[in-house]
Amino acid sequence: MAFCPQKIIKPGKDAKPEILDKDGCVGCRFCEMHCPDFAITVSERKFYQRTLLETDDD
């Protein structure tokens, strides 16, 4: 948790690491490489862009 450059990993239930802001993760995997208990696994997330639907009032 201390190694996260974005400071988004905090202790959750049972003091296990929990990511507070998944969108804030840059995917550097620094936490995964330096976790002494191998409790963190970083995997790729799919990005879904939100779009607004426009309607024609004509």
N, C-alpha and C. Protein backbone atom coordinates (compact mmCIF):
# COMPACT_ATOMS: atom_id res chain seq x y z
N MET A 1 0.83 -1.19 0.00
CA MET A 1 0.00 0.00 0.00
C MET A 1 0.87 1.26 0.00
N ALA A 2 1.97 1.19 0.71
CA ALA A 2 2.85 2.35 0.83
C ALA A 2 3.58 2.67 -0.47
N PHE A 3 3.67 1.70 -1.38
CA PHE A 3 4.41 1.91 -2.62
C PHE A 3 3.61 2.56 -3.73
N CYS A 4 2.31 2.68 -3.57
CA CYS A 4 1.46 3.22 -4.65
C CYS A 4 1.80 4.68 -4.92
N PRO A 5 2.25 5.00 -6.14
CA PRO A 5 2.59 6.38 -6.45
C PRO A 5 1.35 7.30 -6.50
N GLN A 6 0.18 6.71 -6.71
CA GLN A 6 -1.06 7.49 -6.77
C GLN A 6 -1.73 7.60 -5.40
N LYS A 7 -1.26 6.83 -4.43
CA LYS A 7 -1.82 6.81 -3.06
C LYS A 7 -3.30 6.46 -3.05
N ILE A 8 -3.69 5.46 -3.85
CA ILE A 8 -5.10 5.05 -3.91
C ILE A 8 -5.36 3.72 -3.23
N ILE A 9 -4.33 3.06 -2.73
CA ILE A 9 -4.50 1.78 -2.05
C ILE A 9 -4.48 2.01 -0.54
N LYS A 10 -5.55 1.58 0.11
CA LYS A 10 -5.68 1.76 1.56
C LYS A 10 -6.10 0.43 2.17
N PRO A 11 -5.91 0.25 3.48
CA PRO A 11 -6.36 -0.99 4.11
C PRO A 11 -7.89 -1.07 4.14
N GLY A 12 -8.40 -2.21 3.74
CA GLY A 12 -9.85 -2.43 3.75
C GLY A 12 -10.21 -3.42 4.84
N LYS A 13 -11.17 -4.29 4.55
CA LYS A 13 -11.57 -5.32 5.51
C LYS A 13 -10.39 -6.23 5.82
N ASP A 14 -10.25 -6.57 7.06
CA ASP A 14 -9.17 -7.46 7.52
C ASP A 14 -7.79 -6.93 7.15
N ALA A 15 -7.67 -5.62 6.98
CA ALA A 15 -6.40 -4.95 6.64
C ALA A 15 -5.85 -5.36 5.28
N LYS A 16 -6.70 -5.95 4.45
CA LYS A 16 -6.28 -6.31 3.09
C LYS A 16 -6.31 -5.07 2.21
N PRO A 17 -5.43 -4.99 1.22
CA PRO A 17 -5.39 -3.81 0.36
C PRO A 17 -6.69 -3.62 -0.42
N GLU A 18 -7.09 -2.39 -0.53
CA GLU A 18 -8.31 -2.05 -1.26
C GLU A 18 -8.03 -0.80 -2.09
N ILE A 19 -8.41 -0.83 -3.36
CA ILE A 19 -8.22 0.32 -4.23
C ILE A 19 -9.43 1.22 -4.10
N LEU A 20 -9.19 2.44 -3.67
CA LEU A 20 -10.29 3.38 -3.43
C LEU A 20 -10.81 4.01 -4.72
N ASP A 21 -9.92 4.28 -5.65
CA ASP A 21 -10.30 4.96 -6.89
C ASP A 21 -9.71 4.19 -8.07
N LYS A 22 -10.46 3.24 -8.61
CA LYS A 22 -9.94 2.40 -9.68
C LYS A 22 -9.56 3.20 -10.92
N ASP A 23 -10.25 4.30 -11.16
CA ASP A 23 -9.91 5.14 -12.30
C ASP A 23 -8.61 5.90 -12.07
N GLY A 24 -8.18 6.01 -10.82
CA GLY A 24 -6.95 6.70 -10.50
C GLY A 24 -5.71 5.84 -10.68
N CYS A 25 -5.90 4.53 -10.83
CA CYS A 25 -4.78 3.61 -11.02
C CYS A 25 -4.20 3.81 -12.42
N VAL A 26 -2.88 3.98 -12.47
CA VAL A 26 -2.21 4.17 -13.76
C VAL A 26 -1.66 2.87 -14.32
N GLY A 27 -1.81 1.77 -13.57
CA GLY A 27 -1.38 0.46 -14.04
C GLY A 27 0.12 0.25 -14.06
N CYS A 28 0.84 0.93 -13.20
CA CYS A 28 2.30 0.81 -13.20
C CYS A 28 2.78 -0.52 -12.62
N ARG A 29 1.93 -1.18 -11.85
CA ARG A 29 2.20 -2.48 -11.23
C ARG A 29 3.31 -2.42 -10.17
N PHE A 30 3.67 -1.23 -9.74
CA PHE A 30 4.70 -1.07 -8.72
C PHE A 30 4.26 -1.74 -7.43
N CYS A 31 2.98 -1.61 -7.09
CA CYS A 31 2.46 -2.23 -5.86
C CYS A 31 2.57 -3.74 -5.93
N GLU A 32 2.25 -4.29 -7.08
CA GLU A 32 2.29 -5.74 -7.27
C GLU A 32 3.73 -6.27 -7.15
N MET A 33 4.67 -5.56 -7.73
CA MET A 33 6.06 -6.01 -7.70
C MET A 33 6.70 -5.90 -6.32
N HIS A 34 6.21 -4.97 -5.49
CA HIS A 34 6.85 -4.73 -4.20
C HIS A 34 6.03 -5.21 -3.00
N CYS A 35 4.89 -5.81 -3.22
CA CYS A 35 4.07 -6.29 -2.11
C CYS A 35 4.76 -7.49 -1.44
N PRO A 36 5.11 -7.37 -0.16
CA PRO A 36 5.84 -8.45 0.50
C PRO A 36 5.00 -9.72 0.70
N ASP A 37 3.70 -9.61 0.69
CA ASP A 37 2.83 -10.77 0.91
C ASP A 37 2.18 -11.27 -0.37
N PHE A 38 2.52 -10.67 -1.52
CA PHE A 38 1.92 -11.03 -2.80
C PHE A 38 0.39 -10.95 -2.74
N ALA A 39 -0.11 -9.95 -2.03
CA ALA A 39 -1.55 -9.79 -1.83
C ALA A 39 -2.20 -8.94 -2.91
N ILE A 40 -1.39 -8.36 -3.79
CA ILE A 40 -1.93 -7.47 -4.82
C ILE A 40 -1.64 -8.05 -6.20
N THR A 41 -2.67 -8.12 -7.01
CA THR A 41 -2.53 -8.53 -8.40
C THR A 41 -3.18 -7.46 -9.27
N VAL A 42 -2.43 -6.94 -10.21
CA VAL A 42 -2.94 -5.90 -11.11
C VAL A 42 -3.34 -6.56 -12.41
N SER A 43 -4.55 -6.30 -12.86
CA SER A 43 -5.00 -6.82 -14.15
C SER A 43 -5.57 -5.68 -14.97
N GLU A 44 -5.56 -5.87 -16.26
CA GLU A 44 -6.04 -4.83 -17.17
C GLU A 44 -7.55 -4.70 -17.08
N ARG A 45 -8.01 -3.46 -17.05
CA ARG A 45 -9.45 -3.20 -17.05
C ARG A 45 -9.84 -2.70 -18.43
N LYS A 46 -11.02 -3.07 -18.83
CA LYS A 46 -11.54 -2.55 -20.09
C LYS A 46 -12.11 -1.17 -19.85
N PHE A 47 -11.85 -0.27 -20.78
CA PHE A 47 -12.32 1.09 -20.66
C PHE A 47 -13.57 1.24 -21.52
N TYR A 48 -14.62 1.71 -20.89
CA TYR A 48 -15.86 1.96 -21.61
C TYR A 48 -16.13 3.46 -21.58
N GLN A 49 -16.13 4.06 -22.75
CA GLN A 49 -16.37 5.49 -22.82
C GLN A 49 -17.87 5.75 -22.76
N ARG A 50 -18.24 6.65 -21.90
CA ARG A 50 -19.64 7.03 -21.79
C ARG A 50 -19.94 8.10 -22.82
N THR A 51 -21.04 7.95 -23.49
CA THR A 51 -21.43 8.93 -24.48
C THR A 51 -22.85 9.40 -24.18
N LEU A 52 -23.13 10.61 -24.55
CA LEU A 52 -24.47 11.15 -24.41
C LEU A 52 -25.20 10.95 -25.72
N LEU A 53 -26.42 10.48 -25.64
CA LEU A 53 -27.22 10.32 -26.84
C LEU A 53 -27.93 11.63 -27.13
N GLU A 54 -27.77 12.10 -28.33
CA GLU A 54 -28.44 13.35 -28.72
C GLU A 54 -29.68 13.01 -29.52
N THR A 55 -30.73 13.76 -29.31
CA THR A 55 -31.97 13.54 -30.06
C THR A 55 -32.27 14.79 -30.88
N ASP A 56 -32.85 14.57 -32.01
CA ASP A 56 -33.25 15.68 -32.87
C ASP A 56 -34.67 16.10 -32.52
N ASP A 57 -34.85 17.34 -32.21
CA ASP A 57 -36.18 17.84 -31.89
C ASP A 57 -36.87 18.46 -33.10
N ASP A 58 -36.24 18.34 -34.29
CA ASP A 58 -36.80 18.94 -35.50
C ASP A 58 -37.95 18.16 -36.05
